[in-house]
Amino acid sequence: MTPSPPDTAAVQPAVADFVSSVAAAYVSDLQNGYLADRSIAVATLAQLRCGAGKLPEDVPELWGKAGTERLYSDQHLSEREAGRAEIALFAAITLYALHQQSRPIPMHRSGAELGAAVRQLMPNGALDEPIRKHFVRLGTATTPAVLADRLRHVVILLRNASIPIDYGILARQLYQAQNPDGLRQVRQRWGRSFHSYRPAGSRTDADAAASSDKDTR
């Protein structure tokens, strides 16, 4: 009896989650070392910054520095999956290196979504058109190279404001964006987190109305 081929829809999320976990673990190692002022971590991040916004094949001097060998530690990847995973991991790690530059606090924070982070750049929750245009340009990128380059510009804005993001989540999204229909799904996630962000302590009209109803009961 011929075995059934693997379910592609099930395989892709599993690989995306694996890429996410590898990125989060490596970034955490780098971040802990950098914040503890360990010379190896500081030097590694300085080297990795030159790859931010580029693809791994464009920066061969970083081979062995971006953690891509970790992708082959305990999971078999097809050639196509490996190629996409390396691009996603390399982009996430080098962007983190740029983001953490000269910042004394962690720029990788678990659960911090990119869209919400961009919205935090806008004072008092008001739309800032130049920042919004940077965010919109992310959504119109059509290749991994263009997406990585445009993310670099956004990461610089976030670094200047000391606003962190979750690089495990970003690595997963960068992998997903290379799959058929994946970029559309990632754009939806970015847009949802952008629109749903509320500053700490703020209340929507619906929240206020609900509170008023409780007070009158």
N, C-alpha and C. Protein backbone atom coordinates (compact mmCIF):
# COMPACT_ATOMS: atom_id res chain seq x y z
N MET A 1 0.84 -1.19 0.00
CA MET A 1 0.00 0.00 0.00
C MET A 1 0.88 1.25 0.00
N THR A 2 0.65 2.16 -0.94
CA THR A 2 1.45 3.37 -1.06
C THR A 2 1.06 4.36 0.03
N PRO A 3 2.03 4.85 0.82
CA PRO A 3 1.69 5.81 1.88
C PRO A 3 1.18 7.12 1.30
N SER A 4 0.30 7.74 2.00
CA SER A 4 -0.26 9.01 1.56
C SER A 4 0.78 10.11 1.72
N PRO A 5 0.82 11.06 0.77
CA PRO A 5 1.76 12.16 0.90
C PRO A 5 1.38 13.04 2.07
N PRO A 6 2.34 13.75 2.65
CA PRO A 6 2.03 14.60 3.79
C PRO A 6 1.08 15.72 3.41
N ASP A 7 0.28 16.14 4.33
CA ASP A 7 -0.64 17.25 4.13
C ASP A 7 0.15 18.55 4.12
N THR A 8 0.25 19.20 2.94
CA THR A 8 1.05 20.41 2.80
C THR A 8 0.58 21.50 3.75
N ALA A 9 -0.74 21.63 3.90
CA ALA A 9 -1.29 22.67 4.77
C ALA A 9 -0.85 22.46 6.22
N ALA A 10 -0.68 21.19 6.60
CA ALA A 10 -0.26 20.90 7.97
C ALA A 10 1.24 21.07 8.13
N VAL A 11 2.02 20.73 7.07
CA VAL A 11 3.48 20.80 7.14
C VAL A 11 3.96 22.24 7.25
N GLN A 12 3.39 23.15 6.44
CA GLN A 12 3.87 24.53 6.40
C GLN A 12 3.77 25.22 7.76
N PRO A 13 2.64 25.14 8.47
CA PRO A 13 2.61 25.76 9.80
C PRO A 13 3.62 25.16 10.75
N ALA A 14 3.87 23.85 10.65
CA ALA A 14 4.85 23.22 11.52
C ALA A 14 6.24 23.78 11.26
N VAL A 15 6.60 23.97 10.00
CA VAL A 15 7.90 24.54 9.68
C VAL A 15 7.96 26.00 10.13
N ALA A 16 6.89 26.75 9.92
CA ALA A 16 6.86 28.15 10.33
C ALA A 16 7.05 28.27 11.84
N ASP A 17 6.41 27.38 12.60
CA ASP A 17 6.57 27.40 14.06
C ASP A 17 8.00 27.03 14.46
N PHE A 18 8.59 26.10 13.72
CA PHE A 18 9.98 25.71 14.00
C PHE A 18 10.92 26.88 13.75
N VAL A 19 10.74 27.57 12.64
CA VAL A 19 11.56 28.75 12.34
C VAL A 19 11.39 29.81 13.43
N SER A 20 10.15 29.98 13.89
CA SER A 20 9.88 30.94 14.95
C SER A 20 10.62 30.60 16.22
N SER A 21 10.59 29.33 16.61
CA SER A 21 11.25 28.93 17.86
C SER A 21 12.76 29.06 17.76
N VAL A 22 13.33 28.73 16.59
CA VAL A 22 14.77 28.87 16.40
C VAL A 22 15.17 30.35 16.49
N ALA A 23 14.40 31.21 15.84
CA ALA A 23 14.70 32.65 15.87
C ALA A 23 14.59 33.20 17.29
N ALA A 24 13.52 32.85 17.99
CA ALA A 24 13.33 33.37 19.34
C ALA A 24 14.45 32.93 20.27
N ALA A 25 14.88 31.68 20.14
CA ALA A 25 15.95 31.16 21.01
C ALA A 25 17.27 31.85 20.72
N TYR A 26 17.58 32.02 19.43
CA TYR A 26 18.87 32.63 19.08
C TYR A 26 18.90 34.12 19.45
N VAL A 27 17.79 34.82 19.17
CA VAL A 27 17.72 36.23 19.54
C VAL A 27 17.83 36.39 21.05
N SER A 28 17.17 35.52 21.80
CA SER A 28 17.25 35.59 23.26
C SER A 28 18.68 35.41 23.74
N ASP A 29 19.41 34.46 23.13
CA ASP A 29 20.81 34.25 23.50
C ASP A 29 21.63 35.51 23.21
N LEU A 30 21.44 36.08 22.02
CA LEU A 30 22.18 37.27 21.64
C LEU A 30 21.82 38.45 22.56
N GLN A 31 20.54 38.58 22.83
CA GLN A 31 20.07 39.70 23.65
C GLN A 31 20.63 39.60 25.09
N ASN A 32 20.56 38.42 25.66
CA ASN A 32 21.09 38.23 27.01
C ASN A 32 22.58 38.56 27.07
N GLY A 33 23.31 38.13 26.05
CA GLY A 33 24.74 38.40 26.01
C GLY A 33 25.04 39.87 25.81
N TYR A 34 24.27 40.51 24.94
CA TYR A 34 24.50 41.93 24.67
C TYR A 34 24.21 42.77 25.91
N LEU A 35 23.08 42.50 26.57
CA LEU A 35 22.71 43.30 27.73
C LEU A 35 23.63 43.05 28.92
N ALA A 36 24.29 41.88 28.91
CA ALA A 36 25.29 41.59 29.95
C ALA A 36 26.68 42.07 29.54
N ASP A 37 26.75 42.73 28.37
CA ASP A 37 28.01 43.30 27.85
C ASP A 37 29.07 42.23 27.64
N ARG A 38 28.63 41.05 27.16
CA ARG A 38 29.60 40.01 26.82
C ARG A 38 30.20 40.33 25.45
N SER A 39 31.49 40.29 25.36
CA SER A 39 32.19 40.76 24.16
C SER A 39 31.80 39.98 22.91
N ILE A 40 31.57 38.66 23.05
CA ILE A 40 31.23 37.86 21.87
C ILE A 40 29.88 38.30 21.31
N ALA A 41 28.88 38.49 22.18
CA ALA A 41 27.55 38.90 21.73
C ALA A 41 27.58 40.29 21.12
N VAL A 42 28.31 41.20 21.75
CA VAL A 42 28.42 42.58 21.24
C VAL A 42 29.05 42.58 19.85
N ALA A 43 30.11 41.80 19.67
CA ALA A 43 30.79 41.74 18.38
C ALA A 43 29.92 41.07 17.33
N THR A 44 29.21 40.00 17.73
CA THR A 44 28.34 39.30 16.77
C THR A 44 27.24 40.21 16.26
N LEU A 45 26.60 40.95 17.16
CA LEU A 45 25.54 41.87 16.74
C LEU A 45 26.08 42.95 15.82
N ALA A 46 27.27 43.44 16.09
CA ALA A 46 27.87 44.46 15.24
C ALA A 46 28.09 43.91 13.82
N GLN A 47 28.51 42.65 13.72
CA GLN A 47 28.70 42.03 12.41
C GLN A 47 27.36 41.81 11.72
N LEU A 48 26.36 41.34 12.47
CA LEU A 48 25.07 41.01 11.88
C LEU A 48 24.33 42.24 11.35
N ARG A 49 24.59 43.39 11.91
CA ARG A 49 23.88 44.59 11.48
C ARG A 49 24.10 44.91 10.00
N CYS A 50 25.25 44.51 9.48
CA CYS A 50 25.51 44.82 8.06
C CYS A 50 24.62 44.00 7.13
N GLY A 51 23.96 42.97 7.66
CA GLY A 51 23.06 42.16 6.84
C GLY A 51 21.61 42.58 6.90
N ALA A 52 21.29 43.55 7.74
CA ALA A 52 19.90 43.97 7.90
C ALA A 52 19.34 44.52 6.59
N GLY A 53 18.18 43.99 6.20
CA GLY A 53 17.55 44.41 4.96
C GLY A 53 18.05 43.69 3.73
N LYS A 54 18.90 42.66 3.92
CA LYS A 54 19.45 41.92 2.79
C LYS A 54 19.08 40.44 2.90
N LEU A 55 19.41 39.69 1.87
CA LEU A 55 19.20 38.24 1.87
C LEU A 55 20.51 37.54 2.18
N PRO A 56 20.46 36.31 2.70
CA PRO A 56 21.70 35.63 3.11
C PRO A 56 22.72 35.47 2.00
N GLU A 57 22.25 35.25 0.77
CA GLU A 57 23.20 35.05 -0.33
C GLU A 57 23.93 36.34 -0.71
N ASP A 58 23.40 37.48 -0.26
CA ASP A 58 24.04 38.76 -0.57
C ASP A 58 25.13 39.13 0.43
N VAL A 59 25.22 38.41 1.54
CA VAL A 59 26.20 38.75 2.59
C VAL A 59 26.92 37.47 3.03
N PRO A 60 27.73 36.89 2.15
CA PRO A 60 28.38 35.61 2.50
C PRO A 60 29.29 35.70 3.71
N GLU A 61 29.76 36.91 4.03
CA GLU A 61 30.64 37.03 5.20
C GLU A 61 29.91 36.75 6.50
N LEU A 62 28.57 36.68 6.44
CA LEU A 62 27.80 36.38 7.65
C LEU A 62 27.39 34.90 7.74
N TRP A 63 27.79 34.10 6.78
CA TRP A 63 27.50 32.67 6.87
C TRP A 63 28.11 32.12 8.16
N GLY A 64 27.30 31.41 8.93
CA GLY A 64 27.76 30.86 10.20
C GLY A 64 27.57 31.80 11.37
N LYS A 65 27.07 33.02 11.10
CA LYS A 65 26.85 33.99 12.16
C LYS A 65 25.38 34.19 12.50
N ALA A 66 24.50 33.91 11.54
CA ALA A 66 23.08 34.25 11.70
C ALA A 66 22.24 33.12 12.28
N GLY A 67 22.87 32.03 12.67
CA GLY A 67 22.14 30.95 13.32
C GLY A 67 21.40 30.01 12.39
N THR A 68 21.61 30.14 11.07
CA THR A 68 20.84 29.30 10.15
C THR A 68 21.19 27.81 10.28
N GLU A 69 22.39 27.52 10.81
CA GLU A 69 22.73 26.10 11.00
C GLU A 69 21.80 25.44 12.01
N ARG A 70 21.18 26.22 12.88
CA ARG A 70 20.24 25.67 13.86
C ARG A 70 18.99 25.10 13.21
N LEU A 71 18.72 25.52 11.99
CA LEU A 71 17.55 25.00 11.29
C LEU A 71 17.69 23.52 10.96
N TYR A 72 18.90 23.01 10.97
CA TYR A 72 19.15 21.62 10.57
C TYR A 72 19.47 20.74 11.77
N SER A 73 19.20 21.27 12.97
CA SER A 73 19.57 20.53 14.18
C SER A 73 18.70 19.31 14.44
N ASP A 74 17.39 19.46 14.28
CA ASP A 74 16.52 18.34 14.65
C ASP A 74 15.26 18.24 13.79
N GLN A 75 15.29 18.83 12.62
CA GLN A 75 14.11 18.73 11.76
C GLN A 75 14.54 18.64 10.32
N HIS A 76 13.97 17.68 9.60
CA HIS A 76 14.27 17.54 8.18
C HIS A 76 13.43 18.54 7.40
N LEU A 77 14.10 19.34 6.59
CA LEU A 77 13.42 20.31 5.75
C LEU A 77 13.65 19.96 4.28
N SER A 78 12.63 20.12 3.47
CA SER A 78 12.82 19.96 2.04
C SER A 78 13.70 21.11 1.55
N GLU A 79 14.19 21.01 0.32
CA GLU A 79 15.05 22.07 -0.21
C GLU A 79 14.31 23.40 -0.27
N ARG A 80 13.05 23.37 -0.67
CA ARG A 80 12.27 24.60 -0.74
C ARG A 80 12.03 25.17 0.65
N GLU A 81 11.66 24.32 1.60
CA GLU A 81 11.43 24.78 2.97
C GLU A 81 12.70 25.35 3.58
N ALA A 82 13.83 24.68 3.32
CA ALA A 82 15.11 25.15 3.88
C ALA A 82 15.46 26.53 3.33
N GLY A 83 15.26 26.73 2.04
CA GLY A 83 15.56 28.02 1.43
C GLY A 83 14.73 29.13 2.03
N ARG A 84 13.44 28.88 2.18
CA ARG A 84 12.55 29.88 2.76
C ARG A 84 12.87 30.12 4.24
N ALA A 85 13.18 29.04 4.94
CA ALA A 85 13.49 29.16 6.36
C ALA A 85 14.77 29.97 6.59
N GLU A 86 15.78 29.75 5.75
CA GLU A 86 17.02 30.50 5.89
C GLU A 86 16.81 31.99 5.64
N ILE A 87 16.02 32.32 4.63
CA ILE A 87 15.73 33.73 4.34
C ILE A 87 15.02 34.37 5.53
N ALA A 88 14.00 33.67 6.06
CA ALA A 88 13.22 34.22 7.16
C ALA A 88 14.07 34.40 8.41
N LEU A 89 14.87 33.39 8.75
CA LEU A 89 15.68 33.46 9.96
C LEU A 89 16.77 34.53 9.82
N PHE A 90 17.44 34.56 8.68
CA PHE A 90 18.49 35.54 8.46
C PHE A 90 17.94 36.96 8.56
N ALA A 91 16.79 37.20 7.92
CA ALA A 91 16.20 38.54 7.97
C ALA A 91 15.85 38.93 9.40
N ALA A 92 15.23 38.02 10.13
CA ALA A 92 14.82 38.32 11.51
C ALA A 92 16.03 38.59 12.41
N ILE A 93 17.06 37.77 12.30
CA ILE A 93 18.23 37.92 13.18
C ILE A 93 18.97 39.22 12.88
N THR A 94 19.17 39.53 11.61
CA THR A 94 19.92 40.75 11.26
C THR A 94 19.10 42.00 11.58
N LEU A 95 17.80 41.94 11.42
CA LEU A 95 16.96 43.08 11.79
C LEU A 95 17.00 43.29 13.31
N TYR A 96 17.00 42.20 14.06
CA TYR A 96 17.13 42.34 15.51
C TYR A 96 18.45 43.02 15.86
N ALA A 97 19.53 42.62 15.21
CA ALA A 97 20.83 43.21 15.49
C ALA A 97 20.80 44.72 15.28
N LEU A 98 20.12 45.15 14.24
CA LEU A 98 19.97 46.59 13.97
C LEU A 98 19.10 47.25 15.03
N HIS A 99 18.03 46.56 15.41
CA HIS A 99 17.07 47.09 16.39
C HIS A 99 17.71 47.29 17.76
N GLN A 100 18.58 46.38 18.16
CA GLN A 100 19.16 46.41 19.50
C GLN A 100 20.33 47.40 19.60
N GLN A 101 20.84 47.88 18.47
CA GLN A 101 22.02 48.74 18.46
C GLN A 101 21.89 49.92 19.42
N SER A 102 22.82 50.02 20.35
CA SER A 102 22.90 51.14 21.30
C SER A 102 21.69 51.27 22.22
N ARG A 103 20.87 50.22 22.30
CA ARG A 103 19.72 50.27 23.20
C ARG A 103 20.05 49.48 24.46
N PRO A 104 19.89 50.07 25.65
CA PRO A 104 20.23 49.39 26.90
C PRO A 104 19.10 48.51 27.44
N ILE A 105 17.99 48.43 26.73
CA ILE A 105 16.86 47.60 27.14
C ILE A 105 16.54 46.60 26.04
N PRO A 106 15.84 45.50 26.33
CA PRO A 106 15.57 44.48 25.31
C PRO A 106 14.69 45.00 24.18
N MET A 107 15.13 44.76 22.94
CA MET A 107 14.33 45.11 21.78
C MET A 107 13.60 43.90 21.19
N HIS A 108 13.82 42.75 21.80
CA HIS A 108 13.01 41.56 21.51
C HIS A 108 12.15 41.30 22.73
N ARG A 109 10.83 41.32 22.53
CA ARG A 109 9.92 41.07 23.65
C ARG A 109 8.82 40.13 23.20
N SER A 110 8.63 39.07 23.92
CA SER A 110 7.64 38.06 23.56
C SER A 110 6.24 38.67 23.47
N GLY A 111 5.56 38.36 22.37
CA GLY A 111 4.18 38.79 22.18
C GLY A 111 4.00 40.17 21.58
N ALA A 112 5.09 40.91 21.36
CA ALA A 112 4.98 42.28 20.82
C ALA A 112 4.86 42.22 19.30
N GLU A 113 3.66 42.49 18.80
CA GLU A 113 3.37 42.39 17.37
C GLU A 113 3.88 43.62 16.62
N LEU A 114 4.27 43.42 15.37
CA LEU A 114 4.82 44.50 14.56
C LEU A 114 3.80 45.63 14.35
N GLY A 115 2.58 45.30 14.00
CA GLY A 115 1.58 46.33 13.74
C GLY A 115 1.33 47.19 14.96
N ALA A 116 1.20 46.57 16.12
CA ALA A 116 0.98 47.33 17.35
C ALA A 116 2.19 48.20 17.67
N ALA A 117 3.40 47.69 17.40
CA ALA A 117 4.60 48.47 17.66
C ALA A 117 4.63 49.72 16.78
N VAL A 118 4.26 49.58 15.52
CA VAL A 118 4.22 50.74 14.63
C VAL A 118 3.19 51.76 15.11
N ARG A 119 2.06 51.27 15.58
CA ARG A 119 1.03 52.19 16.08
C ARG A 119 1.52 52.96 17.31
N GLN A 120 2.40 52.34 18.10
CA GLN A 120 2.95 53.03 19.27
C GLN A 120 3.84 54.21 18.89
N LEU A 121 4.32 54.21 17.65
CA LEU A 121 5.13 55.33 17.18
C LEU A 121 4.30 56.60 17.02
N MET A 122 2.98 56.44 16.96
CA MET A 122 2.09 57.57 16.69
C MET A 122 1.60 58.15 18.00
N PRO A 123 1.95 59.38 18.31
CA PRO A 123 1.60 59.96 19.61
C PRO A 123 0.10 60.07 19.81
N ASN A 124 -0.33 59.72 21.02
CA ASN A 124 -1.74 59.84 21.41
C ASN A 124 -2.69 59.04 20.52
N GLY A 125 -2.16 58.03 19.83
CA GLY A 125 -3.01 57.19 19.01
C GLY A 125 -3.44 57.82 17.71
N ALA A 126 -3.01 59.05 17.43
CA ALA A 126 -3.40 59.72 16.19
C ALA A 126 -2.57 59.18 15.03
N LEU A 127 -3.18 59.08 13.84
CA LEU A 127 -2.47 58.59 12.68
C LEU A 127 -1.40 59.58 12.24
N ASP A 128 -0.19 59.10 12.08
CA ASP A 128 0.92 59.90 11.58
C ASP A 128 1.17 59.47 10.14
N GLU A 129 0.96 60.34 9.19
CA GLU A 129 0.97 59.93 7.79
C GLU A 129 2.33 59.41 7.32
N PRO A 130 3.46 60.05 7.63
CA PRO A 130 4.74 59.49 7.18
C PRO A 130 5.00 58.08 7.74
N ILE A 131 4.67 57.87 9.02
CA ILE A 131 4.85 56.53 9.60
C ILE A 131 3.89 55.54 8.97
N ARG A 132 2.66 55.98 8.76
CA ARG A 132 1.66 55.10 8.13
C ARG A 132 2.13 54.66 6.75
N LYS A 133 2.75 55.57 6.00
CA LYS A 133 3.22 55.22 4.65
C LYS A 133 4.32 54.17 4.71
N HIS A 134 5.21 54.27 5.70
CA HIS A 134 6.23 53.23 5.87
C HIS A 134 5.57 51.87 6.10
N PHE A 135 4.53 51.86 6.90
CA PHE A 135 3.83 50.61 7.23
C PHE A 135 3.10 50.07 6.01
N VAL A 136 2.46 50.96 5.26
CA VAL A 136 1.74 50.55 4.05
C VAL A 136 2.70 49.95 3.03
N ARG A 137 3.90 50.50 2.93
CA ARG A 137 4.88 49.98 1.97
C ARG A 137 5.28 48.55 2.29
N LEU A 138 5.25 48.18 3.57
CA LEU A 138 5.50 46.78 3.93
C LEU A 138 4.48 45.88 3.25
N GLY A 139 3.22 46.32 3.27
CA GLY A 139 2.15 45.50 2.72
C GLY A 139 2.17 45.38 1.21
N THR A 140 2.92 46.27 0.54
CA THR A 140 2.96 46.22 -0.92
C THR A 140 4.23 45.54 -1.44
N ALA A 141 5.10 45.08 -0.53
CA ALA A 141 6.30 44.36 -0.96
C ALA A 141 5.91 43.04 -1.62
N THR A 142 6.58 42.70 -2.69
CA THR A 142 6.21 41.49 -3.44
C THR A 142 7.30 40.43 -3.46
N THR A 143 8.48 40.74 -2.94
CA THR A 143 9.58 39.77 -2.88
C THR A 143 10.22 39.81 -1.50
N PRO A 144 10.88 38.72 -1.10
CA PRO A 144 11.56 38.72 0.20
C PRO A 144 12.60 39.83 0.31
N ALA A 145 13.30 40.14 -0.80
CA ALA A 145 14.33 41.17 -0.77
C ALA A 145 13.73 42.54 -0.49
N VAL A 146 12.64 42.85 -1.16
CA VAL A 146 11.98 44.14 -0.97
C VAL A 146 11.39 44.23 0.44
N LEU A 147 10.78 43.14 0.90
CA LEU A 147 10.19 43.13 2.23
C LEU A 147 11.26 43.35 3.31
N ALA A 148 12.39 42.66 3.18
CA ALA A 148 13.48 42.82 4.16
C ALA A 148 13.99 44.25 4.18
N ASP A 149 14.13 44.84 3.00
CA ASP A 149 14.63 46.21 2.93
C ASP A 149 13.65 47.19 3.57
N ARG A 150 12.36 47.02 3.32
CA ARG A 150 11.38 47.93 3.89
C ARG A 150 11.22 47.72 5.39
N LEU A 151 11.39 46.49 5.85
CA LEU A 151 11.38 46.24 7.29
C LEU A 151 12.55 46.95 7.97
N ARG A 152 13.66 47.03 7.29
CA ARG A 152 14.83 47.71 7.86
C ARG A 152 14.48 49.16 8.22
N HIS A 153 13.77 49.84 7.33
CA HIS A 153 13.41 51.23 7.60
C HIS A 153 12.46 51.34 8.80
N VAL A 154 11.54 50.40 8.90
CA VAL A 154 10.59 50.41 10.02
C VAL A 154 11.32 50.11 11.33
N VAL A 155 12.24 49.16 11.30
CA VAL A 155 12.99 48.79 12.50
C VAL A 155 13.82 49.97 13.01
N ILE A 156 14.37 50.77 12.12
CA ILE A 156 15.13 51.94 12.55
C ILE A 156 14.22 52.91 13.30
N LEU A 157 12.99 53.09 12.82
CA LEU A 157 12.03 53.96 13.53
C LEU A 157 11.72 53.40 14.91
N LEU A 158 11.53 52.07 15.00
CA LEU A 158 11.23 51.45 16.28
C LEU A 158 12.42 51.54 17.22
N ARG A 159 13.63 51.36 16.69
CA ARG A 159 14.82 51.47 17.53
C ARG A 159 14.95 52.88 18.10
N ASN A 160 14.74 53.88 17.26
CA ASN A 160 14.88 55.26 17.72
C ASN A 160 13.90 55.59 18.85
N ALA A 161 12.74 54.90 18.84
CA ALA A 161 11.73 55.12 19.89
C ALA A 161 11.82 54.07 21.00
N SER A 162 12.80 53.15 20.91
CA SER A 162 12.98 52.07 21.90
C SER A 162 11.70 51.25 22.08
N ILE A 163 11.07 50.89 20.96
CA ILE A 163 9.86 50.06 20.98
C ILE A 163 10.23 48.66 20.50
N PRO A 164 10.05 47.62 21.32
CA PRO A 164 10.46 46.26 20.94
C PRO A 164 9.40 45.53 20.12
N ILE A 165 9.81 44.45 19.49
CA ILE A 165 8.88 43.52 18.84
C ILE A 165 9.33 42.10 19.15
N ASP A 166 8.49 41.15 18.82
CA ASP A 166 8.78 39.73 19.01
C ASP A 166 9.42 39.20 17.73
N TYR A 167 10.70 38.88 17.77
CA TYR A 167 11.40 38.42 16.57
C TYR A 167 11.10 36.95 16.24
N GLY A 168 10.57 36.22 17.20
CA GLY A 168 10.08 34.88 16.87
C GLY A 168 8.85 34.96 15.99
N ILE A 169 7.93 35.85 16.35
CA ILE A 169 6.73 36.07 15.54
C ILE A 169 7.12 36.59 14.17
N LEU A 170 8.05 37.56 14.12
CA LEU A 170 8.45 38.12 12.83
C LEU A 170 9.07 37.06 11.93
N ALA A 171 9.90 36.19 12.48
CA ALA A 171 10.52 35.13 11.67
C ALA A 171 9.45 34.20 11.10
N ARG A 172 8.45 33.85 11.93
CA ARG A 172 7.37 33.02 11.44
C ARG A 172 6.65 33.70 10.27
N GLN A 173 6.38 34.98 10.42
CA GLN A 173 5.66 35.71 9.38
C GLN A 173 6.50 35.85 8.11
N LEU A 174 7.81 36.02 8.26
CA LEU A 174 8.67 36.12 7.09
C LEU A 174 8.75 34.79 6.35
N TYR A 175 8.62 33.69 7.08
CA TYR A 175 8.54 32.38 6.41
C TYR A 175 7.20 32.23 5.71
N GLN A 176 6.13 32.53 6.42
CA GLN A 176 4.79 32.40 5.85
C GLN A 176 4.62 33.27 4.61
N ALA A 177 5.23 34.45 4.62
CA ALA A 177 5.07 35.39 3.51
C ALA A 177 5.60 34.84 2.19
N GLN A 178 6.46 33.82 2.26
CA GLN A 178 7.03 33.24 1.04
C GLN A 178 6.18 32.11 0.48
N ASN A 179 5.17 31.69 1.21
CA ASN A 179 4.28 30.63 0.75
C ASN A 179 3.16 31.20 -0.10
N PRO A 180 2.54 30.39 -0.96
CA PRO A 180 1.42 30.89 -1.75
C PRO A 180 0.33 31.48 -0.85
N ASP A 181 -0.07 32.68 -1.16
CA ASP A 181 -1.10 33.40 -0.41
C ASP A 181 -0.64 33.78 0.99
N GLY A 182 0.62 33.49 1.31
CA GLY A 182 1.10 33.75 2.66
C GLY A 182 1.24 35.23 2.98
N LEU A 183 1.70 36.02 2.01
CA LEU A 183 1.91 37.44 2.28
C LEU A 183 0.58 38.13 2.58
N ARG A 184 -0.48 37.71 1.91
CA ARG A 184 -1.79 38.29 2.19
C ARG A 184 -2.19 38.01 3.63
N GLN A 185 -1.95 36.79 4.10
CA GLN A 185 -2.30 36.44 5.48
C GLN A 185 -1.46 37.22 6.48
N VAL A 186 -0.17 37.42 6.17
CA VAL A 186 0.70 38.19 7.05
C VAL A 186 0.24 39.65 7.08
N ARG A 187 -0.11 40.20 5.93
CA ARG A 187 -0.62 41.57 5.89
C ARG A 187 -1.85 41.72 6.77
N GLN A 188 -2.73 40.73 6.73
CA GLN A 188 -3.92 40.76 7.57
C GLN A 188 -3.54 40.81 9.05
N ARG A 189 -2.55 40.01 9.44
CA ARG A 189 -2.11 39.97 10.84
C ARG A 189 -1.52 41.31 11.25
N TRP A 190 -0.68 41.88 10.38
CA TRP A 190 -0.08 43.18 10.68
C TRP A 190 -1.15 44.25 10.81
N GLY A 191 -2.09 44.25 9.86
CA GLY A 191 -3.15 45.25 9.90
C GLY A 191 -4.03 45.12 11.13
N ARG A 192 -4.32 43.88 11.51
CA ARG A 192 -5.19 43.64 12.68
C ARG A 192 -4.51 44.14 13.95
N SER A 193 -3.22 43.85 14.11
CA SER A 193 -2.53 44.29 15.32
C SER A 193 -2.34 45.81 15.32
N PHE A 194 -2.20 46.40 14.15
CA PHE A 194 -2.08 47.86 14.05
C PHE A 194 -3.38 48.54 14.48
N HIS A 195 -4.50 48.07 13.97
CA HIS A 195 -5.78 48.72 14.25
C HIS A 195 -6.30 48.42 15.65
N SER A 196 -5.93 47.28 16.21
CA SER A 196 -6.47 46.89 17.51
C SER A 196 -5.65 47.43 18.68
N TYR A 197 -4.48 48.01 18.40
CA TYR A 197 -3.63 48.50 19.49
C TYR A 197 -4.31 49.66 20.23
N ARG A 198 -4.26 49.60 21.56
CA ARG A 198 -4.74 50.68 22.41
C ARG A 198 -3.66 51.01 23.44
N PRO A 199 -3.32 52.29 23.61
CA PRO A 199 -2.31 52.64 24.63
C PRO A 199 -2.74 52.15 26.00
N ALA A 200 -1.78 51.83 26.84
CA ALA A 200 -2.10 51.37 28.20
C ALA A 200 -2.93 52.41 28.93
N GLY A 201 -4.03 51.96 29.53
CA GLY A 201 -4.88 52.86 30.30
C GLY A 201 -5.95 53.55 29.48
N SER A 202 -5.90 53.39 28.13
CA SER A 202 -6.92 54.03 27.31
C SER A 202 -8.17 53.19 27.27
N ARG A 203 -9.33 53.82 26.99
CA ARG A 203 -10.59 53.10 26.90
C ARG A 203 -11.30 53.54 25.63
N THR A 204 -11.89 52.59 24.95
CA THR A 204 -12.67 52.91 23.77
C THR A 204 -14.03 53.43 24.18
N ASP A 205 -14.78 53.97 23.23
CA ASP A 205 -16.14 54.42 23.51
C ASP A 205 -17.00 53.26 24.00
N ALA A 206 -16.76 52.08 23.41
CA ALA A 206 -17.53 50.90 23.83
C ALA A 206 -17.22 50.55 25.28
N ASP A 207 -15.92 50.66 25.65
CA ASP A 207 -15.55 50.39 27.04
C ASP A 207 -16.24 51.36 27.98
N ALA A 208 -16.24 52.64 27.61
CA ALA A 208 -16.85 53.65 28.46
C ALA A 208 -18.35 53.43 28.60
N ALA A 209 -18.99 53.05 27.48
CA ALA A 209 -20.43 52.81 27.52
C ALA A 209 -20.77 51.62 28.40
N ALA A 210 -19.93 50.58 28.29
CA ALA A 210 -20.16 49.39 29.11
C ALA A 210 -20.02 49.72 30.59
N SER A 211 -19.01 50.55 30.91
CA SER A 211 -18.81 50.95 32.30
C SER A 211 -19.98 51.77 32.81
N SER A 212 -20.51 52.65 31.94
CA SER A 212 -21.63 53.50 32.33
C SER A 212 -22.87 52.66 32.60
N ASP A 213 -23.07 51.63 31.76
CA ASP A 213 -24.22 50.74 31.96
C ASP A 213 -24.14 50.05 33.31
N LYS A 214 -22.91 49.62 33.68
CA LYS A 214 -22.74 48.94 34.96
C LYS A 214 -23.03 49.88 36.13
N ASP A 215 -22.61 51.14 35.97
CA ASP A 215 -22.80 52.10 37.05
C ASP A 215 -24.26 52.43 37.30
N THR A 216 -25.11 52.29 36.27
CA THR A 216 -26.52 52.65 36.39
C THR A 216 -27.39 51.47 36.80
N ARG A 217 -26.78 50.29 36.91
CA ARG A 217 -27.58 49.12 37.28
C ARG A 217 -27.83 49.07 38.78
